């Protein structure tokens, strides 16, 4: 499906890939925040909002006959990088429960705010479904 790119001599990436090479039908998922299908927040907990954002991505991918295993790129926007770092172990467990052991290319950006005031995270995803 895809090839992980690891330059010679580089330390292994932890929880993401440095690069990915792939072919197939591309699926783009807009930034998903931690609210449910009715656009309601059920929690203000950071990890729980991340869980819901990832579930929203998986549900959107399913509309294109794709799944977490097809995700090749993610961009995470968080409002508090210290919270992300402090809860990284818990977040990693939530990620694996929903996305499996697929570690795409990832970027994390701290932002001052997101459009929805209660949102603490927004995650974009790109998937490639093999031909």
Protein backbone atom coordinates (compact mmCIF):
# COMPACT_ATOMS: atom_id res chain seq x y z
CA UNK A 1 0.00 0.00 0.00
CA UNK A 2 2.62 2.56 1.00
CA UNK A 3 6.30 2.78 1.79
CA UNK A 4 7.57 4.55 4.89
CA UNK A 5 10.53 6.81 4.12
CA UNK A 6 13.31 6.72 6.71
CA UNK A 7 16.51 8.53 5.67
CA UNK A 8 19.69 6.56 6.48
CA UNK A 9 21.25 7.49 9.79
CA UNK A 10 18.19 9.29 11.13
CA UNK A 11 16.79 8.36 14.52
CA UNK A 12 13.49 6.50 14.14
CA UNK A 13 10.38 8.68 14.26
CA UNK A 14 8.23 7.96 17.32
CA UNK A 15 4.49 7.87 16.67
CA UNK A 16 4.72 9.23 13.12
CA UNK A 17 6.62 8.73 9.86
CA UNK A 18 9.20 11.11 8.40
CA UNK A 19 7.78 10.46 4.94
CA UNK A 20 5.47 8.15 3.01
CA UNK A 21 5.36 7.19 -0.66
CA UNK A 22 2.09 5.82 -2.04
CA UNK A 23 -0.25 5.53 -5.04
CA UNK A 24 -4.02 5.43 -5.28
CA UNK A 25 -7.24 7.42 -4.82
CA UNK A 26 -6.78 10.36 -2.47
CA UNK A 27 -9.32 11.18 0.24
CA UNK A 28 -9.14 14.50 2.08
CA UNK A 29 -10.79 14.97 5.47
CA UNK A 30 -11.39 18.50 6.75
CA UNK A 31 -10.27 19.53 10.19
CA UNK A 32 -12.32 17.57 12.71
CA UNK A 33 -12.89 18.86 16.21
CA UNK A 34 -14.04 17.01 19.32
CA UNK A 35 -17.77 17.34 18.93
CA UNK A 36 -20.30 14.67 18.03
CA UNK A 37 -22.44 14.17 14.91
CA UNK A 38 -24.91 16.81 16.13
CA UNK A 39 -22.11 19.38 16.58
CA UNK A 40 -22.31 19.15 20.38
CA UNK A 41 -19.37 18.88 22.75
CA UNK A 42 -19.79 16.12 25.31
CA UNK A 43 -16.60 17.01 27.21
CA UNK A 44 -13.96 19.65 27.75
CA UNK A 45 -11.31 17.01 28.44
CA UNK A 46 -8.42 17.29 25.97
CA UNK A 47 -7.86 13.55 25.39
CA UNK A 48 -11.59 12.88 25.06
CA UNK A 49 -11.86 15.65 22.47
CA UNK A 50 -8.94 14.07 20.59
CA UNK A 51 -10.73 10.70 20.71
CA UNK A 52 -13.87 12.23 19.26
CA UNK A 53 -11.90 14.08 16.56
CA UNK A 54 -10.28 10.78 15.52
CA UNK A 55 -13.66 8.99 15.54
CA UNK A 56 -15.02 11.77 13.31
CA UNK A 57 -12.13 11.20 10.89
CA UNK A 58 -12.76 7.44 10.79
CA UNK A 59 -16.49 7.96 10.17
CA UNK A 60 -15.77 10.40 7.36
CA UNK A 61 -13.23 8.04 5.77
CA UNK A 62 -15.83 5.27 5.80
CA UNK A 63 -17.95 7.38 3.40
CA UNK A 64 -15.15 6.87 0.84
CA UNK A 65 -14.68 3.17 1.60
CA UNK A 66 -11.48 4.05 3.43
CA UNK A 67 -10.25 3.45 6.95
CA UNK A 68 -7.55 4.49 9.39
CA UNK A 69 -5.06 2.19 7.66
CA UNK A 70 -5.27 4.43 4.57
CA UNK A 71 -4.30 7.67 6.37
CA UNK A 72 -0.93 8.94 5.14
CA UNK A 73 -0.90 12.48 6.56
CA UNK A 74 -2.37 14.28 9.57
CA UNK A 75 -2.11 17.84 10.80
CA UNK A 76 -3.02 18.45 14.43
CA UNK A 77 -3.88 21.93 15.69
CA UNK A 78 -3.93 22.18 19.50
CA UNK A 79 -4.58 25.13 21.75
CA UNK A 80 -2.19 23.93 24.47
CA UNK A 81 0.98 22.05 23.53
CA UNK A 82 1.85 21.56 27.21
CA UNK A 83 -1.40 19.61 27.69
CA UNK A 84 -0.58 17.57 24.57
CA UNK A 85 2.88 16.73 25.92
CA UNK A 86 1.70 16.12 29.50
CA UNK A 87 -0.94 13.65 28.33
CA UNK A 88 0.97 12.12 25.42
CA UNK A 89 0.93 8.57 26.83
CA UNK A 90 -2.84 8.68 27.35
CA UNK A 91 -3.27 10.27 23.94
CA UNK A 92 -1.13 7.56 22.32
CA UNK A 93 -3.38 4.88 23.79
CA UNK A 94 -6.50 6.65 22.50
CA UNK A 95 -4.89 7.05 19.08
CA UNK A 96 -4.03 3.34 18.81
CA UNK A 97 -7.54 2.30 19.91
CA UNK A 98 -9.11 4.30 17.09
CA UNK A 99 -6.44 4.52 14.37
CA UNK A 100 -4.58 1.27 15.01
CA UNK A 101 -0.84 1.00 14.54
CA UNK A 102 -0.81 3.25 11.49
CA UNK A 103 1.66 6.10 11.94
CA UNK A 104 1.35 8.56 9.05
CA UNK A 105 3.29 11.72 8.41
CA UNK A 106 2.15 14.15 11.12
CA UNK A 107 2.50 17.80 11.95
CA UNK A 108 1.49 19.38 15.26
CA UNK A 109 0.86 23.11 15.52
CA UNK A 110 -0.12 25.11 18.59
CA UNK A 111 -2.69 27.78 17.78
CA UNK A 112 -4.05 30.57 19.94
CA UNK A 113 -7.65 29.49 19.34
CA UNK A 114 -9.90 27.41 17.10
CA UNK A 115 -13.12 28.60 15.49
CA UNK A 116 -15.32 26.80 18.05
CA UNK A 117 -14.54 28.23 21.49
CA UNK A 118 -14.72 24.87 23.33
CA UNK A 119 -12.53 23.07 20.78
CA UNK A 120 -9.07 22.19 22.07
CA UNK A 121 -7.95 20.19 19.04
CA UNK A 122 -8.61 20.07 15.30
CA UNK A 123 -7.20 17.29 13.13
CA UNK A 124 -6.98 17.15 9.32
CA UNK A 125 -6.27 13.90 7.51
CA UNK A 126 -5.30 12.74 4.04
CA UNK A 127 -5.79 9.12 3.07
CA UNK A 128 -4.80 7.16 -0.03
CA UNK A 129 -6.84 4.11 -0.99
CA UNK A 130 -4.86 1.70 -3.21
CA UNK A 131 -5.92 1.32 -6.84
